[in-house]
Amino acid sequence: MTFLYFACTDCKIFIEIGSRWAAWSLDANGVVKRGEQISAEAVLSAEQYWSPPKEESSGWLYNQVLPSVLAFLETHKEHRILFGTQDEVVARTDDELFDWMEVGHLLQPLPRYYAEVLGFTSWEQVLDRIAQEGNEPWWMTDWDDWPKKAKKKFDECVLAKNDS
């Protein structure tokens, strides 16, 4: 499955938007176009997207996806928001991805999340959290120095937070 996102390029924050549902109810209906800027108002007015059939299989849309997307759009509606796959609208390389933060229901925490949302101030806190969850993120694999790059981004975020 191809995941689809809204990405605020002003804040470098992105969110998964219920990929198959969004493809069918937004993309196929011309409300959004892949790789292009969206109109938050057009998405907020797209009744079909916000009203999936009330079935057992759509509970995740009503309970997880749509509330988080609504909060994202309300927060970022005055910003530049793009629609598409991660490669199309967030980052073309893994190194670029470290500048971004994912939010929402399908969250895969990146270093910024640990500093900015969870308020962690040490890398040890990040490592402890990852160990507790038992789900090591892709960027902890020793490929292309990802763990070092992730720690560097985390440290930059903590420093920036302390300076403000």
N, C-alpha and C. Protein backbone atom coordinates (compact mmCIF):
# COMPACT_ATOMS: atom_id res chain seq x y z
N MET A 1 0.83 -1.17 0.00
CA MET A 1 0.00 0.00 0.00
C MET A 1 0.89 1.25 0.00
N THR A 2 0.48 2.25 -0.73
CA THR A 2 1.17 3.52 -0.77
C THR A 2 0.54 4.45 0.26
N PHE A 3 1.33 4.94 1.18
CA PHE A 3 0.82 5.86 2.17
C PHE A 3 0.77 7.27 1.59
N LEU A 4 -0.29 7.99 1.92
CA LEU A 4 -0.47 9.36 1.46
C LEU A 4 -0.49 10.30 2.66
N TYR A 5 0.04 11.49 2.44
CA TYR A 5 0.24 12.43 3.54
C TYR A 5 -0.18 13.83 3.15
N PHE A 6 -0.46 14.64 4.18
CA PHE A 6 -0.45 16.09 4.09
C PHE A 6 0.85 16.50 4.78
N ALA A 7 1.57 17.44 4.18
CA ALA A 7 2.84 17.89 4.74
C ALA A 7 2.87 19.41 4.76
N CYS A 8 3.00 19.98 5.95
CA CYS A 8 3.14 21.42 6.10
C CYS A 8 4.61 21.76 5.88
N THR A 9 4.88 22.44 4.77
CA THR A 9 6.27 22.76 4.45
C THR A 9 6.79 23.92 5.30
N ASP A 10 5.89 24.71 5.88
CA ASP A 10 6.33 25.80 6.75
C ASP A 10 6.89 25.26 8.06
N CYS A 11 6.23 24.26 8.62
CA CYS A 11 6.60 23.71 9.93
C CYS A 11 7.39 22.41 9.82
N LYS A 12 7.43 21.84 8.63
CA LYS A 12 8.06 20.54 8.39
C LYS A 12 7.44 19.47 9.30
N ILE A 13 6.10 19.41 9.23
CA ILE A 13 5.32 18.42 9.96
C ILE A 13 4.42 17.73 8.96
N PHE A 14 4.30 16.39 9.08
CA PHE A 14 3.45 15.65 8.14
C PHE A 14 2.59 14.65 8.87
N ILE A 15 1.51 14.23 8.17
CA ILE A 15 0.54 13.33 8.78
C ILE A 15 -0.01 12.39 7.72
N GLU A 16 -0.15 11.11 8.06
CA GLU A 16 -0.78 10.14 7.17
C GLU A 16 -2.29 10.38 7.24
N ILE A 17 -2.97 10.33 6.07
CA ILE A 17 -4.34 10.80 6.00
C ILE A 17 -5.36 9.72 5.65
N GLY A 18 -5.02 8.46 5.90
CA GLY A 18 -5.95 7.37 5.55
C GLY A 18 -5.83 7.07 4.08
N SER A 19 -4.73 6.53 3.69
CA SER A 19 -4.27 6.45 2.30
C SER A 19 -5.32 6.02 1.28
N ARG A 20 -5.84 4.81 1.40
CA ARG A 20 -6.81 4.35 0.39
C ARG A 20 -8.06 5.21 0.41
N TRP A 21 -8.53 5.55 1.60
CA TRP A 21 -9.72 6.38 1.72
C TRP A 21 -9.46 7.76 1.11
N ALA A 22 -8.31 8.35 1.40
CA ALA A 22 -7.97 9.67 0.86
C ALA A 22 -7.81 9.62 -0.65
N ALA A 23 -7.20 8.55 -1.15
CA ALA A 23 -7.03 8.42 -2.60
C ALA A 23 -8.38 8.39 -3.30
N TRP A 24 -9.31 7.67 -2.72
CA TRP A 24 -10.63 7.53 -3.32
C TRP A 24 -11.49 8.78 -3.13
N SER A 25 -11.51 9.33 -1.92
CA SER A 25 -12.45 10.41 -1.62
C SER A 25 -11.90 11.81 -1.90
N LEU A 26 -10.58 11.96 -1.93
CA LEU A 26 -10.00 13.29 -2.19
C LEU A 26 -9.31 13.36 -3.55
N ASP A 27 -8.36 12.46 -3.78
CA ASP A 27 -7.57 12.50 -5.01
C ASP A 27 -8.42 12.19 -6.23
N ALA A 28 -9.17 11.11 -6.19
CA ALA A 28 -9.98 10.70 -7.35
C ALA A 28 -11.08 11.71 -7.67
N ASN A 29 -11.48 12.49 -6.68
CA ASN A 29 -12.53 13.49 -6.88
C ASN A 29 -11.98 14.88 -7.18
N GLY A 30 -10.66 15.00 -7.33
CA GLY A 30 -10.06 16.27 -7.71
C GLY A 30 -9.96 17.30 -6.60
N VAL A 31 -10.19 16.91 -5.37
CA VAL A 31 -10.06 17.84 -4.25
C VAL A 31 -8.59 18.18 -4.02
N VAL A 32 -7.73 17.20 -4.24
CA VAL A 32 -6.28 17.35 -4.10
C VAL A 32 -5.60 16.70 -5.29
N LYS A 33 -4.35 17.10 -5.53
CA LYS A 33 -3.55 16.48 -6.59
C LYS A 33 -2.19 16.13 -6.02
N ARG A 34 -1.74 14.93 -6.37
CA ARG A 34 -0.47 14.43 -5.85
C ARG A 34 0.67 15.39 -6.16
N GLY A 35 1.47 15.65 -5.11
CA GLY A 35 2.64 16.49 -5.24
C GLY A 35 2.35 17.98 -5.28
N GLU A 36 1.08 18.36 -5.09
CA GLU A 36 0.72 19.78 -5.19
C GLU A 36 0.18 20.32 -3.88
N GLN A 37 0.17 21.64 -3.78
CA GLN A 37 -0.37 22.31 -2.61
C GLN A 37 -1.87 22.11 -2.56
N ILE A 38 -2.38 21.94 -1.36
CA ILE A 38 -3.82 21.75 -1.17
C ILE A 38 -4.46 23.06 -0.73
N SER A 39 -5.76 23.10 -0.84
CA SER A 39 -6.56 24.12 -0.18
C SER A 39 -7.15 23.46 1.06
N ALA A 40 -6.72 23.91 2.24
CA ALA A 40 -7.26 23.33 3.47
C ALA A 40 -8.77 23.47 3.51
N GLU A 41 -9.27 24.59 3.04
CA GLU A 41 -10.73 24.82 3.04
C GLU A 41 -11.44 23.81 2.14
N ALA A 42 -10.84 23.51 0.98
CA ALA A 42 -11.44 22.52 0.08
C ALA A 42 -11.49 21.15 0.73
N VAL A 43 -10.42 20.78 1.42
CA VAL A 43 -10.40 19.48 2.10
C VAL A 43 -11.41 19.48 3.24
N LEU A 44 -11.44 20.55 4.01
CA LEU A 44 -12.39 20.63 5.13
C LEU A 44 -13.84 20.60 4.64
N SER A 45 -14.06 21.02 3.41
CA SER A 45 -15.41 21.03 2.84
C SER A 45 -15.75 19.75 2.07
N ALA A 46 -14.80 18.84 1.94
CA ALA A 46 -14.99 17.60 1.16
C ALA A 46 -15.79 16.60 2.01
N GLU A 47 -17.09 16.70 1.95
CA GLU A 47 -17.97 15.88 2.80
C GLU A 47 -17.71 14.39 2.67
N GLN A 48 -17.40 13.95 1.47
CA GLN A 48 -17.17 12.52 1.25
C GLN A 48 -16.01 12.00 2.10
N TYR A 49 -14.93 12.78 2.18
CA TYR A 49 -13.76 12.38 2.97
C TYR A 49 -14.12 12.26 4.45
N TRP A 50 -14.88 13.21 4.95
CA TRP A 50 -15.19 13.27 6.37
C TRP A 50 -16.35 12.35 6.77
N SER A 51 -16.97 11.71 5.80
CA SER A 51 -18.15 10.87 6.08
C SER A 51 -18.04 9.49 5.46
N PRO A 52 -17.05 8.69 5.88
CA PRO A 52 -16.98 7.33 5.33
C PRO A 52 -18.22 6.53 5.73
N PRO A 53 -18.50 5.47 5.00
CA PRO A 53 -19.65 4.63 5.38
C PRO A 53 -19.48 4.15 6.82
N LYS A 54 -20.56 4.14 7.55
CA LYS A 54 -20.52 3.70 8.96
C LYS A 54 -20.56 2.17 8.98
N GLU A 55 -19.38 1.60 8.94
CA GLU A 55 -19.20 0.15 8.96
C GLU A 55 -18.18 -0.20 10.02
N GLU A 56 -18.13 -1.45 10.40
CA GLU A 56 -17.15 -1.89 11.37
C GLU A 56 -15.72 -1.59 10.90
N SER A 57 -15.49 -1.75 9.61
CA SER A 57 -14.15 -1.55 9.06
C SER A 57 -13.76 -0.08 8.95
N SER A 58 -14.67 0.85 9.18
CA SER A 58 -14.31 2.27 9.07
C SER A 58 -14.11 2.94 10.43
N GLY A 59 -14.17 2.16 11.49
CA GLY A 59 -13.96 2.71 12.83
C GLY A 59 -12.62 3.41 12.97
N TRP A 60 -11.57 2.87 12.38
CA TRP A 60 -10.25 3.48 12.47
C TRP A 60 -10.23 4.86 11.82
N LEU A 61 -11.02 5.05 10.76
CA LEU A 61 -11.11 6.37 10.13
C LEU A 61 -11.76 7.36 11.08
N TYR A 62 -12.89 6.99 11.65
CA TYR A 62 -13.63 7.88 12.55
C TYR A 62 -12.89 8.14 13.86
N ASN A 63 -12.21 7.13 14.39
CA ASN A 63 -11.61 7.24 15.71
C ASN A 63 -10.16 7.70 15.71
N GLN A 64 -9.44 7.45 14.62
CA GLN A 64 -8.02 7.77 14.62
C GLN A 64 -7.62 8.75 13.51
N VAL A 65 -7.93 8.40 12.28
CA VAL A 65 -7.45 9.19 11.15
C VAL A 65 -8.09 10.57 11.10
N LEU A 66 -9.40 10.61 10.98
CA LEU A 66 -10.08 11.89 10.74
C LEU A 66 -9.89 12.90 11.87
N PRO A 67 -9.95 12.51 13.15
CA PRO A 67 -9.68 13.51 14.19
C PRO A 67 -8.27 14.10 14.11
N SER A 68 -7.29 13.25 13.82
CA SER A 68 -5.92 13.76 13.76
C SER A 68 -5.71 14.64 12.52
N VAL A 69 -6.32 14.29 11.39
CA VAL A 69 -6.21 15.11 10.18
C VAL A 69 -6.92 16.45 10.40
N LEU A 70 -8.07 16.42 11.03
CA LEU A 70 -8.80 17.66 11.31
C LEU A 70 -7.96 18.59 12.18
N ALA A 71 -7.36 18.07 13.23
CA ALA A 71 -6.50 18.88 14.09
C ALA A 71 -5.32 19.45 13.31
N PHE A 72 -4.73 18.62 12.45
CA PHE A 72 -3.60 19.07 11.62
C PHE A 72 -4.02 20.22 10.72
N LEU A 73 -5.14 20.05 10.02
CA LEU A 73 -5.60 21.10 9.09
C LEU A 73 -5.97 22.37 9.84
N GLU A 74 -6.59 22.26 10.98
CA GLU A 74 -6.94 23.45 11.75
C GLU A 74 -5.69 24.20 12.21
N THR A 75 -4.66 23.46 12.57
CA THR A 75 -3.41 24.08 13.02
C THR A 75 -2.63 24.71 11.86
N HIS A 76 -2.63 24.06 10.70
CA HIS A 76 -1.76 24.46 9.60
C HIS A 76 -2.50 25.06 8.39
N LYS A 77 -3.78 25.33 8.51
CA LYS A 77 -4.57 25.73 7.33
C LYS A 77 -4.08 27.00 6.66
N GLU A 78 -3.39 27.87 7.36
CA GLU A 78 -2.85 29.09 6.76
C GLU A 78 -1.45 28.87 6.19
N HIS A 79 -0.94 27.68 6.32
CA HIS A 79 0.42 27.35 5.86
C HIS A 79 0.37 26.67 4.49
N ARG A 80 1.53 26.43 3.94
CA ARG A 80 1.64 25.71 2.67
C ARG A 80 1.63 24.21 2.97
N ILE A 81 0.57 23.53 2.53
CA ILE A 81 0.41 22.09 2.78
C ILE A 81 0.39 21.38 1.43
N LEU A 82 1.21 20.35 1.31
CA LEU A 82 1.27 19.54 0.11
C LEU A 82 0.60 18.19 0.36
N PHE A 83 0.18 17.54 -0.73
CA PHE A 83 -0.45 16.22 -0.66
C PHE A 83 0.34 15.25 -1.52
N GLY A 84 0.60 14.06 -1.00
CA GLY A 84 1.24 13.02 -1.79
C GLY A 84 1.94 12.00 -0.93
N THR A 85 2.81 11.23 -1.56
CA THR A 85 3.60 10.23 -0.84
C THR A 85 4.72 10.94 -0.09
N GLN A 86 5.36 10.23 0.80
CA GLN A 86 6.46 10.80 1.56
C GLN A 86 7.55 11.33 0.62
N ASP A 87 7.89 10.56 -0.40
CA ASP A 87 8.91 11.00 -1.35
C ASP A 87 8.49 12.24 -2.13
N GLU A 88 7.20 12.39 -2.38
CA GLU A 88 6.71 13.52 -3.16
C GLU A 88 6.63 14.81 -2.37
N VAL A 89 6.30 14.72 -1.08
CA VAL A 89 5.99 15.95 -0.36
C VAL A 89 6.79 16.18 0.92
N VAL A 90 7.49 15.19 1.41
CA VAL A 90 8.22 15.37 2.66
C VAL A 90 9.71 15.43 2.39
N ALA A 91 10.28 14.33 1.99
CA ALA A 91 11.72 14.27 1.79
C ALA A 91 12.05 13.18 0.78
N ARG A 92 12.96 13.50 -0.06
CA ARG A 92 13.38 12.53 -1.07
C ARG A 92 14.46 11.59 -0.54
N THR A 93 15.15 12.03 0.51
CA THR A 93 16.19 11.19 1.10
C THR A 93 15.92 11.02 2.60
N ASP A 94 16.48 9.99 3.17
CA ASP A 94 16.32 9.76 4.61
C ASP A 94 16.96 10.88 5.41
N ASP A 95 18.09 11.43 4.93
CA ASP A 95 18.73 12.54 5.64
C ASP A 95 17.80 13.74 5.73
N GLU A 96 17.10 14.06 4.65
CA GLU A 96 16.15 15.18 4.66
C GLU A 96 15.00 14.91 5.63
N LEU A 97 14.64 13.66 5.78
CA LEU A 97 13.51 13.29 6.63
C LEU A 97 13.75 13.68 8.09
N PHE A 98 14.99 13.73 8.52
CA PHE A 98 15.29 14.09 9.90
C PHE A 98 14.90 15.53 10.23
N ASP A 99 14.71 16.37 9.24
CA ASP A 99 14.27 17.75 9.48
C ASP A 99 12.77 17.81 9.75
N TRP A 100 12.07 16.72 9.53
CA TRP A 100 10.61 16.67 9.63
C TRP A 100 10.16 15.97 10.90
N MET A 101 8.86 16.15 11.21
CA MET A 101 8.25 15.45 12.33
C MET A 101 6.89 14.92 11.87
N GLU A 102 6.64 13.66 12.17
CA GLU A 102 5.35 13.06 11.85
C GLU A 102 4.45 13.16 13.07
N VAL A 103 3.17 13.43 12.82
CA VAL A 103 2.15 13.46 13.87
C VAL A 103 0.99 12.59 13.41
N GLY A 104 0.02 12.38 14.29
CA GLY A 104 -1.18 11.68 13.88
C GLY A 104 -1.25 10.23 14.32
N HIS A 105 -2.16 9.53 13.70
CA HIS A 105 -2.51 8.16 14.13
C HIS A 105 -1.48 7.11 13.77
N LEU A 106 -0.74 7.29 12.70
CA LEU A 106 0.21 6.27 12.23
C LEU A 106 1.65 6.70 12.51
N LEU A 107 1.80 7.38 13.59
CA LEU A 107 3.06 8.01 13.98
C LEU A 107 4.22 7.04 14.02
N GLN A 108 5.28 7.42 13.33
CA GLN A 108 6.57 6.74 13.44
C GLN A 108 7.55 7.82 13.89
N PRO A 109 7.80 7.92 15.21
CA PRO A 109 8.56 9.06 15.73
C PRO A 109 9.93 9.23 15.08
N LEU A 110 10.19 10.47 14.74
CA LEU A 110 11.50 10.90 14.27
C LEU A 110 12.14 11.70 15.40
N PRO A 111 13.43 12.02 15.32
CA PRO A 111 14.10 12.70 16.45
C PRO A 111 13.40 13.96 16.96
N ARG A 112 12.85 14.78 16.07
CA ARG A 112 12.17 16.01 16.51
C ARG A 112 11.00 15.70 17.45
N TYR A 113 10.31 14.61 17.20
CA TYR A 113 9.15 14.25 18.02
C TYR A 113 9.54 14.06 19.49
N TYR A 114 10.65 13.39 19.70
CA TYR A 114 11.10 13.13 21.07
C TYR A 114 11.44 14.42 21.81
N ALA A 115 12.02 15.38 21.11
CA ALA A 115 12.39 16.65 21.75
C ALA A 115 11.19 17.60 21.85
N GLU A 116 10.46 17.76 20.75
CA GLU A 116 9.43 18.79 20.70
C GLU A 116 8.10 18.37 21.30
N VAL A 117 7.70 17.13 21.15
CA VAL A 117 6.41 16.69 21.65
C VAL A 117 6.55 16.02 23.02
N LEU A 118 7.47 15.09 23.14
CA LEU A 118 7.64 14.38 24.41
C LEU A 118 8.48 15.16 25.41
N GLY A 119 9.23 16.15 24.95
CA GLY A 119 10.01 17.00 25.84
C GLY A 119 11.26 16.34 26.40
N PHE A 120 11.73 15.31 25.73
CA PHE A 120 12.96 14.66 26.20
C PHE A 120 14.13 15.62 26.04
N THR A 121 15.07 15.52 26.97
CA THR A 121 16.23 16.41 26.94
C THR A 121 17.55 15.65 26.79
N SER A 122 17.49 14.32 26.83
CA SER A 122 18.71 13.53 26.66
C SER A 122 18.46 12.39 25.69
N TRP A 123 19.51 12.02 24.98
CA TRP A 123 19.43 10.91 24.04
C TRP A 123 19.13 9.60 24.77
N GLU A 124 19.60 9.50 26.02
CA GLU A 124 19.33 8.30 26.81
C GLU A 124 17.83 8.11 27.01
N GLN A 125 17.08 9.20 27.19
CA GLN A 125 15.63 9.10 27.32
C GLN A 125 15.01 8.53 26.05
N VAL A 126 15.54 8.96 24.91
CA VAL A 126 15.04 8.45 23.62
C VAL A 126 15.31 6.96 23.53
N LEU A 127 16.53 6.55 23.84
CA LEU A 127 16.90 5.14 23.76
C LEU A 127 16.07 4.30 24.73
N ASP A 128 15.83 4.83 25.93
CA ASP A 128 15.01 4.11 26.91
C ASP A 128 13.59 3.93 26.39
N ARG A 129 13.02 4.96 25.80
CA ARG A 129 11.65 4.90 25.26
C ARG A 129 11.57 3.86 24.14
N ILE A 130 12.55 3.88 23.26
CA ILE A 130 12.57 2.91 22.16
C ILE A 130 12.67 1.49 22.71
N ALA A 131 13.50 1.30 23.71
CA ALA A 131 13.65 -0.03 24.32
C ALA A 131 12.34 -0.46 24.99
N GLN A 132 11.66 0.45 25.66
CA GLN A 132 10.38 0.14 26.32
C GLN A 132 9.33 -0.28 25.30
N GLU A 133 9.30 0.43 24.16
CA GLU A 133 8.29 0.14 23.15
C GLU A 133 8.62 -1.13 22.38
N GLY A 134 9.90 -1.51 22.36
CA GLY A 134 10.30 -2.73 21.67
C GLY A 134 10.12 -2.68 20.16
N ASN A 135 10.07 -1.49 19.62
CA ASN A 135 9.87 -1.32 18.18
C ASN A 135 10.92 -0.33 17.66
N GLU A 136 12.09 -0.86 17.37
CA GLU A 136 13.19 0.00 16.95
C GLU A 136 12.89 0.68 15.61
N PRO A 137 13.00 2.01 15.56
CA PRO A 137 12.74 2.72 14.30
C PRO A 137 13.82 2.42 13.26
N TRP A 138 13.47 2.63 12.00
CA TRP A 138 14.40 2.36 10.90
C TRP A 138 15.71 3.12 11.07
N TRP A 139 15.65 4.30 11.64
CA TRP A 139 16.84 5.14 11.73
C TRP A 139 17.79 4.71 12.85
N MET A 140 17.45 3.65 13.57
CA MET A 140 18.38 3.10 14.56
C MET A 140 19.25 2.00 13.97
N THR A 141 18.98 1.61 12.72
CA THR A 141 19.85 0.63 12.08
C THR A 141 21.14 1.30 11.66
N ASP A 142 22.22 0.60 11.77
CA ASP A 142 23.53 1.20 11.50
C ASP A 142 23.81 1.21 9.99
N TRP A 143 23.06 2.02 9.30
CA TRP A 143 23.20 2.17 7.86
C TRP A 143 23.40 3.65 7.58
N ASP A 144 24.42 3.99 6.85
CA ASP A 144 24.65 5.38 6.46
C ASP A 144 24.69 6.32 7.67
N ASP A 145 25.18 5.84 8.81
CA ASP A 145 25.30 6.65 10.03
C ASP A 145 23.98 7.21 10.53
N TRP A 146 22.86 6.55 10.27
CA TRP A 146 21.56 7.06 10.69
C TRP A 146 21.46 7.31 12.19
N PRO A 147 21.93 6.39 13.05
CA PRO A 147 21.82 6.69 14.49
C PRO A 147 22.56 7.97 14.88
N LYS A 148 23.73 8.21 14.31
CA LYS A 148 24.48 9.44 14.61
C LYS A 148 23.74 10.66 14.08
N LYS A 149 23.18 10.55 12.89
CA LYS A 149 22.44 11.68 12.30
C LYS A 149 21.17 11.96 13.10
N ALA A 150 20.51 10.91 13.57
CA ALA A 150 19.31 11.08 14.38
C ALA A 150 19.65 11.77 15.70
N LYS A 151 20.71 11.33 16.34
CA LYS A 151 21.12 11.95 17.61
C LYS A 151 21.50 13.40 17.38
N LYS A 152 22.20 13.68 16.31
CA LYS A 152 22.59 15.07 16.01
C LYS A 152 21.35 15.95 15.85
N LYS A 153 20.35 15.48 15.12
CA LYS A 153 19.11 16.25 14.94
C LYS A 153 18.40 16.43 16.27
N PHE A 154 18.33 15.38 17.08
CA PHE A 154 17.71 15.47 18.39
C PHE A 154 18.42 16.52 19.24
N ASP A 155 19.74 16.47 19.29
CA ASP A 155 20.52 17.44 20.08
C ASP A 155 20.28 18.87 19.59
N GLU A 156 20.19 19.05 18.27
CA GLU A 156 19.89 20.39 17.71
C GLU A 156 18.53 20.88 18.18
N CYS A 157 17.54 19.99 18.20
CA CYS A 157 16.18 20.34 18.63
C CYS A 157 16.15 20.72 20.11
N VAL A 158 16.86 19.96 20.94
CA VAL A 158 16.92 20.26 22.38
C VAL A 158 17.59 21.60 22.59
N LEU A 159 18.68 21.86 21.89
CA LEU A 159 19.39 23.13 22.01
C LEU A 159 18.50 24.29 21.57
N ALA A 160 17.81 24.13 20.45
CA ALA A 160 16.92 25.19 19.97
C ALA A 160 15.80 25.44 20.96
N LYS A 161 15.27 24.41 21.57
CA LYS A 161 14.20 24.54 22.55
C LYS A 161 14.71 25.29 23.78
N ASN A 162 15.94 24.99 24.20
CA ASN A 162 16.52 25.64 25.37
C ASN A 162 16.84 27.11 25.10
N ASP A 163 17.15 27.44 23.84
CA ASP A 163 17.48 28.81 23.47
C ASP A 163 16.26 29.70 23.35
N SER A 164 15.09 29.09 23.19
CA SER A 164 13.88 29.91 23.01
C SER A 164 13.18 30.24 24.30
